[in-house]
């Protein structure tokens, strides 16, 4: 298993991120780890958003993405400000 998640899963993840207010999707990738996957995602949020609010958003997204596929073991999210 040396490949990323199937494309259908990427579409589901994109929909999950799109539902979150004030969040813009950046890069999305995944890689296998054992029989599961790690998802790596970059999001953009307004530059004036607090660190706490952006952290809360990442926790929500991590939970929803993991719930979307039982093969997703971890979700790593990097947050960038939109200027």
N, C-alpha and C. Protein backbone atom coordinates (compact mmCIF):
# COMPACT_ATOMS: atom_id res chain seq x y z
N UNK A 1 0.84 -1.19 0.00
CA UNK A 1 0.00 0.00 0.00
C UNK A 1 0.88 1.24 0.00
N UNK A 2 1.44 1.59 -1.14
CA UNK A 2 2.32 2.75 -1.26
C UNK A 2 1.67 3.87 -2.05
N UNK A 3 0.41 4.14 -1.78
CA UNK A 3 -0.26 5.19 -2.53
C UNK A 3 -1.14 6.02 -1.61
N UNK A 4 -1.56 7.16 -2.11
CA UNK A 4 -2.41 8.04 -1.31
C UNK A 4 -3.86 7.54 -1.34
N UNK A 5 -4.69 8.23 -0.59
CA UNK A 5 -6.12 7.90 -0.56
C UNK A 5 -6.72 7.98 -1.96
N UNK A 6 -7.75 7.19 -2.23
CA UNK A 6 -8.45 7.30 -3.52
C UNK A 6 -9.03 8.70 -3.72
N UNK A 7 -9.15 9.12 -4.96
CA UNK A 7 -9.62 10.46 -5.32
C UNK A 7 -10.98 10.77 -4.71
N UNK A 8 -11.83 9.76 -4.55
CA UNK A 8 -13.16 9.99 -3.96
C UNK A 8 -13.04 10.55 -2.55
N UNK A 9 -12.04 10.07 -1.82
CA UNK A 9 -11.83 10.56 -0.46
C UNK A 9 -11.37 12.01 -0.45
N UNK A 10 -10.58 12.39 -1.45
CA UNK A 10 -10.15 13.78 -1.55
C UNK A 10 -11.37 14.68 -1.77
N UNK A 11 -12.30 14.24 -2.59
CA UNK A 11 -13.50 15.03 -2.84
C UNK A 11 -14.32 15.19 -1.56
N UNK A 12 -14.42 14.14 -0.77
CA UNK A 12 -15.16 14.21 0.50
C UNK A 12 -14.47 15.19 1.44
N UNK A 13 -13.16 15.13 1.52
CA UNK A 13 -12.41 16.04 2.39
C UNK A 13 -12.61 17.48 1.94
N UNK A 14 -12.56 17.72 0.65
CA UNK A 14 -12.78 19.08 0.12
C UNK A 14 -14.15 19.60 0.51
N UNK A 15 -15.16 18.75 0.44
CA UNK A 15 -16.52 19.15 0.84
C UNK A 15 -16.60 19.48 2.32
N UNK A 16 -15.91 18.70 3.13
CA UNK A 16 -15.89 18.95 4.58
C UNK A 16 -15.29 20.32 4.87
N UNK A 17 -14.17 20.62 4.23
CA UNK A 17 -13.50 21.90 4.45
C UNK A 17 -14.36 23.05 3.92
N UNK A 18 -14.98 22.86 2.79
CA UNK A 18 -15.80 23.91 2.17
C UNK A 18 -16.97 24.32 3.05
N UNK A 19 -17.48 23.40 3.86
CA UNK A 19 -18.61 23.70 4.75
C UNK A 19 -18.23 24.62 5.90
N UNK A 20 -16.95 24.71 6.20
CA UNK A 20 -16.50 25.52 7.34
C UNK A 20 -16.38 26.98 6.92
N UNK A 21 -17.07 27.84 7.64
CA UNK A 21 -17.10 29.28 7.34
C UNK A 21 -15.71 29.90 7.53
N UNK A 22 -15.36 30.81 6.64
CA UNK A 22 -14.08 31.56 6.70
C UNK A 22 -12.85 30.70 6.50
N UNK A 23 -13.00 29.55 5.86
CA UNK A 23 -11.86 28.67 5.61
C UNK A 23 -11.73 28.41 4.12
N UNK A 24 -10.52 28.57 3.62
CA UNK A 24 -10.23 28.31 2.22
C UNK A 24 -9.25 27.14 2.15
N UNK A 25 -9.51 26.23 1.24
CA UNK A 25 -8.70 25.03 1.09
C UNK A 25 -7.38 25.36 0.41
N UNK A 26 -6.32 24.79 0.94
CA UNK A 26 -5.01 24.90 0.32
C UNK A 26 -4.59 23.55 -0.22
N UNK A 27 -3.38 23.15 0.07
CA UNK A 27 -2.86 21.86 -0.41
C UNK A 27 -3.47 20.71 0.39
N UNK A 28 -3.63 19.59 -0.29
CA UNK A 28 -4.16 18.38 0.33
C UNK A 28 -3.35 17.19 -0.18
N UNK A 29 -2.86 16.40 0.75
CA UNK A 29 -2.15 15.18 0.36
C UNK A 29 -2.38 14.12 1.43
N UNK A 30 -1.98 12.91 1.11
CA UNK A 30 -2.09 11.82 2.08
C UNK A 30 -0.99 10.81 1.80
N UNK A 31 -0.68 10.04 2.81
CA UNK A 31 0.29 8.97 2.62
C UNK A 31 -0.06 7.82 3.55
N UNK A 32 0.32 6.61 3.14
CA UNK A 32 0.00 5.44 3.96
C UNK A 32 0.90 5.33 5.17
N UNK A 33 0.34 4.80 6.22
CA UNK A 33 1.10 4.46 7.42
C UNK A 33 0.49 3.15 7.93
N UNK A 34 1.19 2.06 7.67
CA UNK A 34 0.62 0.74 7.96
C UNK A 34 -0.57 0.50 7.04
N UNK A 35 -1.68 0.11 7.60
CA UNK A 35 -2.91 -0.11 6.83
C UNK A 35 -3.80 1.11 6.76
N UNK A 36 -3.35 2.22 7.34
CA UNK A 36 -4.14 3.44 7.40
C UNK A 36 -3.44 4.57 6.65
N UNK A 37 -4.01 5.76 6.78
CA UNK A 37 -3.48 6.93 6.09
C UNK A 37 -3.32 8.11 7.03
N UNK A 38 -2.40 8.98 6.66
CA UNK A 38 -2.26 10.29 7.28
C UNK A 38 -2.67 11.30 6.21
N UNK A 39 -3.54 12.23 6.57
CA UNK A 39 -3.96 13.30 5.67
C UNK A 39 -3.23 14.57 6.11
N UNK A 40 -2.65 15.26 5.15
CA UNK A 40 -1.95 16.52 5.41
C UNK A 40 -2.66 17.60 4.60
N UNK A 41 -3.07 18.64 5.30
CA UNK A 41 -3.93 19.65 4.70
C UNK A 41 -3.45 21.04 5.09
N UNK A 42 -3.51 21.97 4.16
CA UNK A 42 -3.25 23.38 4.45
C UNK A 42 -4.55 24.14 4.25
N UNK A 43 -4.90 24.97 5.23
CA UNK A 43 -6.08 25.82 5.09
C UNK A 43 -5.64 27.28 5.25
N UNK A 44 -6.47 28.16 4.72
CA UNK A 44 -6.25 29.59 4.88
C UNK A 44 -7.44 30.18 5.61
N UNK A 45 -7.14 31.05 6.58
CA UNK A 45 -8.18 31.72 7.37
C UNK A 45 -7.89 33.22 7.35
N UNK A 46 -8.88 34.06 7.67
CA UNK A 46 -8.63 35.50 7.71
C UNK A 46 -7.48 35.83 8.65
N UNK A 47 -6.65 36.78 8.24
CA UNK A 47 -5.48 37.15 9.02
C UNK A 47 -5.80 37.69 10.40
N UNK A 48 -7.01 38.22 10.58
CA UNK A 48 -7.38 38.76 11.89
C UNK A 48 -8.04 37.72 12.79
N UNK A 49 -8.13 36.49 12.35
CA UNK A 49 -8.71 35.43 13.18
C UNK A 49 -7.74 35.10 14.32
N UNK A 50 -8.30 34.87 15.49
CA UNK A 50 -7.44 34.54 16.63
C UNK A 50 -6.85 33.14 16.46
N UNK A 51 -5.73 32.93 17.13
CA UNK A 51 -5.10 31.61 17.11
C UNK A 51 -6.06 30.58 17.70
N UNK A 52 -6.76 30.95 18.76
CA UNK A 52 -7.70 30.02 19.39
C UNK A 52 -8.80 29.62 18.41
N UNK A 53 -9.37 30.58 17.71
CA UNK A 53 -10.44 30.28 16.75
C UNK A 53 -9.92 29.36 15.64
N UNK A 54 -8.73 29.66 15.11
CA UNK A 54 -8.20 28.81 14.04
C UNK A 54 -7.88 27.41 14.57
N UNK A 55 -7.44 27.33 15.82
CA UNK A 55 -7.18 26.02 16.44
C UNK A 55 -8.48 25.25 16.61
N UNK A 56 -9.54 25.94 17.03
CA UNK A 56 -10.85 25.29 17.17
C UNK A 56 -11.33 24.73 15.82
N UNK A 57 -11.11 25.50 14.76
CA UNK A 57 -11.50 25.05 13.42
C UNK A 57 -10.72 23.80 13.03
N UNK A 58 -9.42 23.78 13.30
CA UNK A 58 -8.63 22.60 12.93
C UNK A 58 -9.11 21.36 13.68
N UNK A 59 -9.49 21.51 14.93
CA UNK A 59 -9.99 20.37 15.71
C UNK A 59 -11.29 19.83 15.11
N UNK A 60 -12.18 20.73 14.71
CA UNK A 60 -13.44 20.33 14.08
C UNK A 60 -13.16 19.59 12.77
N UNK A 61 -12.29 20.18 11.95
CA UNK A 61 -11.96 19.56 10.66
C UNK A 61 -11.29 18.20 10.84
N UNK A 62 -10.37 18.11 11.78
CA UNK A 62 -9.71 16.82 12.03
C UNK A 62 -10.74 15.75 12.39
N UNK A 63 -11.65 16.09 13.27
CA UNK A 63 -12.67 15.13 13.71
C UNK A 63 -13.55 14.68 12.54
N UNK A 64 -14.03 15.64 11.77
CA UNK A 64 -14.92 15.32 10.64
C UNK A 64 -14.21 14.51 9.56
N UNK A 65 -12.97 14.85 9.28
CA UNK A 65 -12.22 14.12 8.26
C UNK A 65 -11.96 12.69 8.72
N UNK A 66 -11.55 12.52 9.97
CA UNK A 66 -11.32 11.17 10.49
C UNK A 66 -12.60 10.35 10.49
N UNK A 67 -13.72 10.98 10.80
CA UNK A 67 -15.01 10.28 10.81
C UNK A 67 -15.47 9.89 9.40
N UNK A 68 -14.94 10.56 8.39
CA UNK A 68 -15.36 10.30 7.01
C UNK A 68 -14.80 8.99 6.46
N UNK A 69 -13.75 8.47 7.09
CA UNK A 69 -13.11 7.25 6.60
C UNK A 69 -12.34 6.60 7.74
N UNK A 70 -12.70 5.38 8.08
CA UNK A 70 -12.05 4.71 9.21
C UNK A 70 -10.60 4.32 8.92
N UNK A 71 -10.14 4.52 7.71
CA UNK A 71 -8.74 4.26 7.36
C UNK A 71 -7.85 5.48 7.58
N UNK A 72 -8.46 6.62 7.92
CA UNK A 72 -7.68 7.83 8.19
C UNK A 72 -7.32 7.82 9.67
N UNK A 73 -6.03 7.67 9.94
CA UNK A 73 -5.54 7.57 11.31
C UNK A 73 -5.22 8.94 11.91
N UNK A 74 -4.64 9.82 11.10
CA UNK A 74 -4.25 11.15 11.56
C UNK A 74 -4.55 12.19 10.50
N UNK A 75 -4.84 13.40 10.99
CA UNK A 75 -5.04 14.55 10.10
C UNK A 75 -4.16 15.67 10.63
N UNK A 76 -3.23 16.10 9.79
CA UNK A 76 -2.32 17.20 10.14
C UNK A 76 -2.77 18.42 9.34
N UNK A 77 -3.05 19.51 10.04
CA UNK A 77 -3.54 20.72 9.38
C UNK A 77 -2.61 21.88 9.67
N UNK A 78 -2.13 22.51 8.61
CA UNK A 78 -1.32 23.73 8.71
C UNK A 78 -2.21 24.91 8.36
N UNK A 79 -2.17 25.95 9.18
CA UNK A 79 -3.03 27.13 8.98
C UNK A 79 -2.19 28.31 8.52
N UNK A 80 -2.63 28.93 7.41
CA UNK A 80 -2.02 30.16 6.91
C UNK A 80 -3.03 31.29 6.94
N UNK A 81 -2.58 32.52 7.21
CA UNK A 81 -3.50 33.66 7.15
C UNK A 81 -3.72 34.12 5.71
N UNK A 82 -4.94 34.55 5.44
CA UNK A 82 -5.24 35.20 4.16
C UNK A 82 -5.00 36.69 4.39
N UNK A 83 -4.15 37.29 3.57
CA UNK A 83 -3.85 38.71 3.76
C UNK A 83 -4.99 39.59 3.34
